[in-house]
N, C-alpha and C. Protein backbone atom coordinates (compact mmCIF):
# COMPACT_ATOMS: atom_id res chain seq x y z
N MET A 1 -23.27 -7.96 5.05
CA MET A 1 -23.59 -8.29 3.68
C MET A 1 -22.30 -8.43 2.89
N GLN A 2 -22.10 -9.57 2.32
CA GLN A 2 -20.92 -9.81 1.50
C GLN A 2 -21.13 -9.19 0.12
N VAL A 3 -20.21 -8.40 -0.33
CA VAL A 3 -20.30 -7.76 -1.64
C VAL A 3 -19.95 -8.79 -2.71
N PRO A 4 -20.85 -9.01 -3.67
CA PRO A 4 -20.55 -9.99 -4.71
C PRO A 4 -19.53 -9.47 -5.71
N ASP A 5 -18.85 -10.38 -6.38
CA ASP A 5 -17.93 -10.01 -7.45
C ASP A 5 -18.76 -9.74 -8.70
N LEU A 6 -19.41 -8.60 -8.71
CA LEU A 6 -20.26 -8.29 -9.85
C LEU A 6 -19.45 -7.78 -11.02
N VAL A 7 -19.99 -8.00 -12.19
CA VAL A 7 -19.36 -7.52 -13.41
C VAL A 7 -20.31 -6.52 -14.05
N VAL A 8 -19.82 -5.30 -14.20
CA VAL A 8 -20.62 -4.26 -14.82
C VAL A 8 -20.57 -4.47 -16.34
N PRO A 9 -21.73 -4.52 -16.98
CA PRO A 9 -21.74 -4.71 -18.43
C PRO A 9 -20.95 -3.62 -19.16
N ASP A 10 -20.29 -4.01 -20.25
CA ASP A 10 -19.48 -3.07 -21.03
C ASP A 10 -20.29 -1.86 -21.49
N PHE A 11 -21.57 -2.07 -21.73
CA PHE A 11 -22.42 -0.97 -22.18
C PHE A 11 -22.37 0.19 -21.17
N PHE A 12 -22.48 -0.12 -19.87
CA PHE A 12 -22.44 0.93 -18.84
C PHE A 12 -21.09 1.63 -18.84
N LYS A 13 -20.03 0.87 -19.01
CA LYS A 13 -18.70 1.48 -19.03
C LYS A 13 -18.58 2.45 -20.20
N ARG A 14 -19.08 2.04 -21.37
CA ARG A 14 -19.00 2.92 -22.54
C ARG A 14 -19.79 4.20 -22.32
N VAL A 15 -20.96 4.09 -21.70
CA VAL A 15 -21.80 5.28 -21.46
C VAL A 15 -21.17 6.17 -20.39
N ILE A 16 -20.80 5.58 -19.26
CA ILE A 16 -20.27 6.36 -18.15
C ILE A 16 -18.94 7.02 -18.50
N SER A 17 -18.11 6.32 -19.28
CA SER A 17 -16.79 6.86 -19.60
C SER A 17 -16.85 8.12 -20.46
N VAL A 18 -17.96 8.37 -21.15
CA VAL A 18 -18.07 9.58 -21.97
C VAL A 18 -18.79 10.71 -21.23
N LEU A 19 -19.32 10.43 -20.05
CA LEU A 19 -19.96 11.46 -19.26
C LEU A 19 -18.90 12.31 -18.56
N PRO A 20 -19.23 13.54 -18.19
CA PRO A 20 -18.26 14.37 -17.47
C PRO A 20 -17.86 13.73 -16.14
N ALA A 21 -16.58 13.80 -15.82
CA ALA A 21 -16.07 13.19 -14.59
C ALA A 21 -16.23 14.11 -13.39
N LYS A 22 -16.49 15.39 -13.63
CA LYS A 22 -16.57 16.34 -12.52
C LYS A 22 -17.69 16.01 -11.52
N PRO A 23 -18.91 15.66 -11.96
CA PRO A 23 -19.95 15.37 -10.95
C PRO A 23 -19.58 14.24 -9.98
N PRO A 24 -19.11 13.07 -10.44
CA PRO A 24 -18.73 12.05 -9.46
C PRO A 24 -17.53 12.46 -8.61
N ALA A 25 -16.59 13.20 -9.19
CA ALA A 25 -15.44 13.67 -8.41
C ALA A 25 -15.89 14.68 -7.37
N TRP A 26 -16.86 15.51 -7.72
CA TRP A 26 -17.43 16.48 -6.78
C TRP A 26 -18.07 15.76 -5.59
N VAL A 27 -18.81 14.68 -5.88
CA VAL A 27 -19.44 13.89 -4.82
C VAL A 27 -18.35 13.31 -3.90
N LEU A 28 -17.30 12.75 -4.49
CA LEU A 28 -16.21 12.17 -3.70
C LEU A 28 -15.55 13.23 -2.81
N VAL A 29 -15.21 14.36 -3.38
CA VAL A 29 -14.54 15.43 -2.64
C VAL A 29 -15.43 15.92 -1.50
N ASN A 30 -16.71 16.10 -1.77
CA ASN A 30 -17.62 16.58 -0.72
C ASN A 30 -17.83 15.53 0.36
N MET A 31 -17.84 14.27 -0.01
CA MET A 31 -17.94 13.20 0.99
C MET A 31 -16.70 13.20 1.88
N LEU A 32 -15.52 13.32 1.27
CA LEU A 32 -14.29 13.36 2.05
C LEU A 32 -14.27 14.57 2.99
N ASN A 33 -14.70 15.72 2.49
CA ASN A 33 -14.73 16.92 3.33
C ASN A 33 -15.75 16.79 4.46
N TYR A 34 -16.88 16.13 4.20
CA TYR A 34 -17.87 15.88 5.25
C TYR A 34 -17.26 14.99 6.33
N LEU A 35 -16.57 13.93 5.91
CA LEU A 35 -15.94 13.02 6.87
C LEU A 35 -14.87 13.75 7.69
N LEU A 36 -14.15 14.67 7.05
CA LEU A 36 -13.17 15.50 7.77
C LEU A 36 -13.86 16.37 8.82
N LYS A 37 -14.91 17.05 8.38
CA LYS A 37 -15.63 17.97 9.25
C LYS A 37 -16.21 17.26 10.47
N LYS A 38 -16.73 16.05 10.27
CA LYS A 38 -17.34 15.27 11.36
C LYS A 38 -16.29 14.50 12.17
N GLN A 39 -15.03 14.68 11.80
CA GLN A 39 -13.90 14.02 12.46
C GLN A 39 -14.00 12.50 12.41
N ILE A 40 -14.56 12.00 11.33
CA ILE A 40 -14.60 10.57 11.07
C ILE A 40 -13.34 10.19 10.30
N LEU A 41 -12.94 11.07 9.40
CA LEU A 41 -11.68 10.94 8.66
C LEU A 41 -10.66 11.80 9.40
N LEU A 42 -9.76 11.15 10.09
CA LEU A 42 -8.79 11.87 10.93
C LEU A 42 -7.49 12.08 10.16
N ALA A 43 -7.58 12.90 9.13
CA ALA A 43 -6.44 13.11 8.24
C ALA A 43 -5.57 14.26 8.72
N ASP A 44 -4.27 14.05 8.66
CA ASP A 44 -3.31 15.13 8.84
C ASP A 44 -3.17 15.77 7.46
N MET A 45 -3.94 16.80 7.24
CA MET A 45 -4.03 17.40 5.90
C MET A 45 -2.70 17.98 5.44
N SER A 46 -1.79 18.27 6.36
CA SER A 46 -0.49 18.78 5.94
C SER A 46 0.28 17.72 5.15
N LEU A 47 -0.02 16.44 5.38
CA LEU A 47 0.64 15.36 4.63
C LEU A 47 0.06 15.20 3.23
N LEU A 48 -1.16 15.69 3.03
CA LEU A 48 -1.85 15.53 1.75
C LEU A 48 -1.87 16.82 0.93
N ALA A 49 -1.60 17.95 1.58
CA ALA A 49 -1.68 19.25 0.92
C ALA A 49 -0.73 19.34 -0.28
N GLY A 50 -1.29 19.83 -1.38
CA GLY A 50 -0.50 20.02 -2.59
C GLY A 50 -0.26 18.74 -3.38
N ARG A 51 -0.81 17.64 -2.94
CA ARG A 51 -0.65 16.37 -3.63
C ARG A 51 -1.86 16.13 -4.52
N TYR A 52 -1.66 15.47 -5.64
CA TYR A 52 -2.73 15.20 -6.59
C TYR A 52 -3.01 13.71 -6.63
N PHE A 53 -4.31 13.39 -6.65
CA PHE A 53 -4.77 12.01 -6.58
C PHE A 53 -5.67 11.68 -7.77
N GLN A 54 -5.58 10.43 -8.21
CA GLN A 54 -6.48 9.93 -9.24
C GLN A 54 -7.03 8.60 -8.76
N ILE A 55 -8.35 8.49 -8.79
CA ILE A 55 -9.01 7.22 -8.49
C ILE A 55 -9.73 6.79 -9.75
N VAL A 56 -9.44 5.58 -10.19
CA VAL A 56 -10.06 5.04 -11.38
C VAL A 56 -10.95 3.87 -10.98
N VAL A 57 -12.23 3.96 -11.33
CA VAL A 57 -13.14 2.85 -11.15
C VAL A 57 -13.21 2.19 -12.52
N GLU A 58 -12.40 1.15 -12.68
CA GLU A 58 -12.14 0.58 -14.00
C GLU A 58 -13.38 0.07 -14.71
N ASP A 59 -14.23 -0.67 -14.00
CA ASP A 59 -15.38 -1.26 -14.68
C ASP A 59 -16.47 -0.24 -14.98
N LEU A 60 -16.38 0.95 -14.41
CA LEU A 60 -17.33 2.01 -14.73
C LEU A 60 -16.74 3.05 -15.68
N GLY A 61 -15.43 2.98 -15.90
CA GLY A 61 -14.79 3.97 -16.76
C GLY A 61 -14.71 5.34 -16.12
N LEU A 62 -14.69 5.40 -14.78
CA LEU A 62 -14.62 6.67 -14.07
C LEU A 62 -13.18 7.02 -13.72
N ASN A 63 -12.81 8.26 -13.97
CA ASN A 63 -11.51 8.81 -13.60
C ASN A 63 -11.76 10.02 -12.74
N LEU A 64 -11.44 9.92 -11.46
CA LEU A 64 -11.70 11.00 -10.52
C LEU A 64 -10.38 11.63 -10.09
N PHE A 65 -10.29 12.94 -10.25
CA PHE A 65 -9.08 13.68 -9.92
C PHE A 65 -9.39 14.68 -8.81
N PHE A 66 -8.52 14.71 -7.80
CA PHE A 66 -8.68 15.69 -6.73
C PHE A 66 -7.33 15.96 -6.09
N THR A 67 -7.30 17.02 -5.30
CA THR A 67 -6.11 17.42 -4.58
C THR A 67 -6.54 17.82 -3.18
N ALA A 68 -5.63 18.37 -2.42
CA ALA A 68 -5.95 18.80 -1.06
C ALA A 68 -5.12 20.03 -0.72
N ASN A 69 -5.64 20.81 0.21
CA ASN A 69 -4.83 21.86 0.81
C ASN A 69 -4.75 21.56 2.31
N GLU A 70 -4.33 22.50 3.11
CA GLU A 70 -4.15 22.26 4.54
C GLU A 70 -5.47 22.00 5.28
N LYS A 71 -6.61 22.35 4.63
CA LYS A 71 -7.89 22.26 5.32
C LYS A 71 -8.91 21.32 4.70
N ARG A 72 -8.79 21.07 3.37
CA ARG A 72 -9.86 20.32 2.72
C ARG A 72 -9.40 19.69 1.41
N PHE A 73 -10.27 18.86 0.86
CA PHE A 73 -10.05 18.27 -0.45
C PHE A 73 -10.70 19.16 -1.49
N ILE A 74 -10.11 19.17 -2.70
CA ILE A 74 -10.53 20.08 -3.76
C ILE A 74 -10.51 19.32 -5.08
N LEU A 75 -11.48 19.62 -5.95
CA LEU A 75 -11.46 19.05 -7.30
C LEU A 75 -10.19 19.48 -8.02
N ALA A 76 -9.70 18.63 -8.89
CA ALA A 76 -8.50 18.95 -9.66
C ALA A 76 -8.71 18.60 -11.12
N ASP A 77 -7.95 19.25 -11.98
CA ASP A 77 -7.98 18.92 -13.40
C ASP A 77 -7.15 17.68 -13.66
N HIS A 78 -7.49 17.00 -14.71
CA HIS A 78 -6.73 15.81 -15.10
C HIS A 78 -5.40 16.18 -15.76
N THR A 79 -5.16 17.46 -15.94
CA THR A 79 -3.92 17.88 -16.60
C THR A 79 -2.73 17.88 -15.65
N ASN A 80 -3.00 17.89 -14.35
CA ASN A 80 -1.90 17.88 -13.38
C ASN A 80 -1.36 16.45 -13.22
N PRO A 81 -0.04 16.31 -13.12
CA PRO A 81 0.50 14.97 -12.87
C PRO A 81 0.08 14.51 -11.47
N VAL A 82 -0.32 13.24 -11.36
CA VAL A 82 -0.80 12.74 -10.08
C VAL A 82 0.34 12.17 -9.25
N ASP A 83 0.22 12.36 -7.95
CA ASP A 83 1.19 11.81 -7.00
C ASP A 83 0.81 10.40 -6.58
N LEU A 84 -0.50 10.12 -6.61
CA LEU A 84 -0.97 8.80 -6.20
C LEU A 84 -2.15 8.38 -7.05
N TYR A 85 -2.07 7.16 -7.55
CA TYR A 85 -3.06 6.60 -8.46
C TYR A 85 -3.59 5.31 -7.85
N PHE A 86 -4.92 5.22 -7.71
CA PHE A 86 -5.59 4.00 -7.26
C PHE A 86 -6.54 3.56 -8.35
N ALA A 87 -6.58 2.28 -8.68
CA ALA A 87 -7.52 1.76 -9.66
C ALA A 87 -8.00 0.39 -9.23
N ALA A 88 -9.30 0.17 -9.37
CA ALA A 88 -9.91 -1.12 -9.08
C ALA A 88 -11.33 -1.11 -9.65
N ASN A 89 -11.97 -2.25 -9.61
CA ASN A 89 -13.39 -2.32 -9.98
C ASN A 89 -14.22 -1.85 -8.80
N ILE A 90 -15.46 -1.46 -9.07
CA ILE A 90 -16.34 -0.93 -8.03
C ILE A 90 -16.52 -1.92 -6.88
N ALA A 91 -16.70 -3.20 -7.19
CA ALA A 91 -16.90 -4.19 -6.13
C ALA A 91 -15.69 -4.27 -5.21
N ASP A 92 -14.49 -4.20 -5.77
CA ASP A 92 -13.29 -4.28 -4.95
C ASP A 92 -13.10 -3.03 -4.09
N PHE A 93 -13.45 -1.85 -4.62
CA PHE A 93 -13.40 -0.64 -3.79
C PHE A 93 -14.39 -0.76 -2.62
N ILE A 94 -15.58 -1.25 -2.90
CA ILE A 94 -16.59 -1.39 -1.84
C ILE A 94 -16.13 -2.40 -0.81
N LYS A 95 -15.59 -3.53 -1.25
CA LYS A 95 -15.08 -4.54 -0.31
C LYS A 95 -13.99 -3.95 0.58
N MET A 96 -13.13 -3.13 -0.02
CA MET A 96 -12.05 -2.52 0.75
C MET A 96 -12.62 -1.55 1.79
N LEU A 97 -13.57 -0.71 1.38
CA LEU A 97 -14.14 0.26 2.30
C LEU A 97 -14.94 -0.41 3.41
N LEU A 98 -15.60 -1.52 3.10
CA LEU A 98 -16.39 -2.23 4.11
C LEU A 98 -15.54 -3.21 4.92
N ARG A 99 -14.24 -3.23 4.62
CA ARG A 99 -13.27 -4.11 5.30
C ARG A 99 -13.55 -5.60 5.08
N GLN A 100 -14.15 -5.92 3.94
CA GLN A 100 -14.33 -7.32 3.58
C GLN A 100 -13.08 -7.86 2.91
N GLU A 101 -12.27 -6.96 2.39
CA GLU A 101 -10.99 -7.31 1.79
C GLU A 101 -9.96 -6.29 2.25
N ASP A 102 -8.78 -6.77 2.55
CA ASP A 102 -7.69 -5.90 2.94
C ASP A 102 -7.07 -5.29 1.68
N PRO A 103 -6.72 -3.99 1.72
CA PRO A 103 -6.09 -3.38 0.54
C PRO A 103 -4.83 -4.12 0.09
N ASP A 104 -4.05 -4.63 1.04
CA ASP A 104 -2.84 -5.38 0.67
C ASP A 104 -3.19 -6.65 -0.11
N THR A 105 -4.22 -7.35 0.32
CA THR A 105 -4.65 -8.57 -0.38
C THR A 105 -5.11 -8.23 -1.78
N LEU A 106 -5.92 -7.18 -1.91
CA LEU A 106 -6.39 -6.76 -3.23
C LEU A 106 -5.21 -6.38 -4.12
N PHE A 107 -4.22 -5.69 -3.54
CA PHE A 107 -3.04 -5.28 -4.30
C PHE A 107 -2.26 -6.50 -4.78
N PHE A 108 -1.98 -7.44 -3.89
CA PHE A 108 -1.17 -8.60 -4.26
C PHE A 108 -1.92 -9.56 -5.17
N ASN A 109 -3.26 -9.50 -5.16
CA ASN A 109 -4.06 -10.29 -6.10
C ASN A 109 -4.32 -9.53 -7.40
N ARG A 110 -3.67 -8.39 -7.54
CA ARG A 110 -3.77 -7.53 -8.73
C ARG A 110 -5.18 -7.03 -9.02
N LYS A 111 -5.95 -6.87 -7.96
CA LYS A 111 -7.29 -6.30 -8.10
C LYS A 111 -7.29 -4.82 -7.77
N LEU A 112 -6.27 -4.36 -7.05
CA LEU A 112 -6.10 -2.95 -6.72
C LEU A 112 -4.74 -2.52 -7.25
N LYS A 113 -4.76 -1.49 -8.08
CA LYS A 113 -3.51 -0.95 -8.62
C LYS A 113 -3.19 0.34 -7.88
N ILE A 114 -1.98 0.43 -7.40
CA ILE A 114 -1.51 1.63 -6.72
C ILE A 114 -0.19 2.01 -7.36
N GLU A 115 -0.12 3.25 -7.81
CA GLU A 115 1.10 3.75 -8.44
C GLU A 115 1.41 5.13 -7.89
N GLY A 116 2.67 5.47 -7.89
CA GLY A 116 3.08 6.80 -7.47
C GLY A 116 3.92 6.77 -6.22
N ASP A 117 3.77 7.80 -5.42
CA ASP A 117 4.55 8.00 -4.20
C ASP A 117 4.20 6.91 -3.18
N THR A 118 5.14 6.03 -2.89
CA THR A 118 4.92 4.90 -1.99
C THR A 118 4.55 5.36 -0.58
N GLU A 119 5.26 6.35 -0.07
CA GLU A 119 4.98 6.85 1.28
C GLU A 119 3.57 7.44 1.36
N LEU A 120 3.18 8.20 0.33
CA LEU A 120 1.85 8.78 0.29
C LEU A 120 0.79 7.68 0.20
N GLY A 121 1.07 6.65 -0.57
CA GLY A 121 0.15 5.51 -0.67
C GLY A 121 -0.08 4.85 0.66
N LEU A 122 0.97 4.69 1.44
CA LEU A 122 0.86 4.09 2.76
C LEU A 122 0.06 4.99 3.71
N ILE A 123 0.27 6.29 3.61
CA ILE A 123 -0.48 7.25 4.43
C ILE A 123 -1.97 7.14 4.12
N VAL A 124 -2.31 7.11 2.83
CA VAL A 124 -3.72 7.04 2.42
C VAL A 124 -4.33 5.71 2.83
N LYS A 125 -3.59 4.62 2.65
CA LYS A 125 -4.09 3.29 3.04
C LYS A 125 -4.38 3.26 4.53
N ASN A 126 -3.46 3.76 5.35
CA ASN A 126 -3.67 3.79 6.80
C ASN A 126 -4.82 4.71 7.18
N LEU A 127 -4.98 5.79 6.44
CA LEU A 127 -6.08 6.71 6.68
C LEU A 127 -7.41 6.02 6.42
N LEU A 128 -7.51 5.30 5.31
CA LEU A 128 -8.74 4.57 5.01
C LEU A 128 -9.03 3.50 6.05
N ASP A 129 -7.97 2.83 6.50
CA ASP A 129 -8.13 1.79 7.52
C ASP A 129 -8.58 2.36 8.86
N SER A 130 -8.33 3.63 9.10
CA SER A 130 -8.66 4.23 10.40
C SER A 130 -10.11 4.71 10.49
N ILE A 131 -10.82 4.73 9.38
CA ILE A 131 -12.20 5.23 9.40
C ILE A 131 -13.10 4.26 10.15
N ASP A 132 -13.86 4.78 11.09
CA ASP A 132 -14.84 3.99 11.83
C ASP A 132 -16.19 4.14 11.11
N TRP A 133 -16.46 3.21 10.20
CA TRP A 133 -17.67 3.30 9.39
C TRP A 133 -18.94 3.17 10.21
N SER A 134 -18.84 2.62 11.41
CA SER A 134 -20.05 2.45 12.24
C SER A 134 -20.60 3.79 12.73
N THR A 135 -19.85 4.87 12.56
CA THR A 135 -20.33 6.19 12.96
C THR A 135 -21.17 6.86 11.87
N ILE A 136 -21.27 6.22 10.72
CA ILE A 136 -22.05 6.76 9.60
C ILE A 136 -23.27 5.85 9.44
N PRO A 137 -24.50 6.37 9.66
CA PRO A 137 -25.68 5.51 9.68
C PRO A 137 -25.83 4.56 8.49
N LEU A 138 -25.70 5.04 7.26
CA LEU A 138 -25.85 4.17 6.10
C LEU A 138 -24.76 3.10 6.07
N MET A 139 -23.55 3.49 6.33
CA MET A 139 -22.44 2.54 6.31
C MET A 139 -22.53 1.57 7.48
N LYS A 140 -23.03 2.03 8.61
CA LYS A 140 -23.16 1.17 9.79
C LYS A 140 -24.01 -0.05 9.47
N SER A 141 -25.11 0.16 8.79
CA SER A 141 -25.98 -0.97 8.46
C SER A 141 -25.31 -1.93 7.49
N LEU A 142 -24.46 -1.42 6.60
CA LEU A 142 -23.76 -2.30 5.67
C LEU A 142 -22.62 -3.06 6.34
N VAL A 143 -21.91 -2.39 7.24
CA VAL A 143 -20.77 -3.00 7.92
C VAL A 143 -21.23 -4.10 8.87
N GLU A 144 -22.35 -3.89 9.53
CA GLU A 144 -22.80 -4.83 10.55
C GLU A 144 -23.44 -6.08 9.98
N GLN A 145 -23.79 -6.11 8.71
CA GLN A 145 -24.46 -7.28 8.15
C GLN A 145 -23.49 -8.41 7.90
């Protein structure tokens, strides 16, 4: 299934941007920890430990902050300076995760913004590229279409 270049109405962005960011960040952190536990996400957590991350879903107005220790991902406050910042629209994040678009292509087309520690950015990009989505039932059906 090809992900369309959808445009989220400004109304949704205004509503979502005033909602607490902790619930969506909690979902993200728990999803990452689940992928770690199931060995789908083969992360060397020592490379991520003590680093702070921010993911911005621009068209939804979401700002997700998290960090990691040697064993897992953890929610973080927005008051900590981030080591790595990713920003894109929801459709571009989905295309990247489903491998319909390469992160480098999105970056050079200015659809994906990456700021911060370059080496850490490369580690995270390679980590995302290494995920075998076909091992996750819901994602398998999306990837195979």
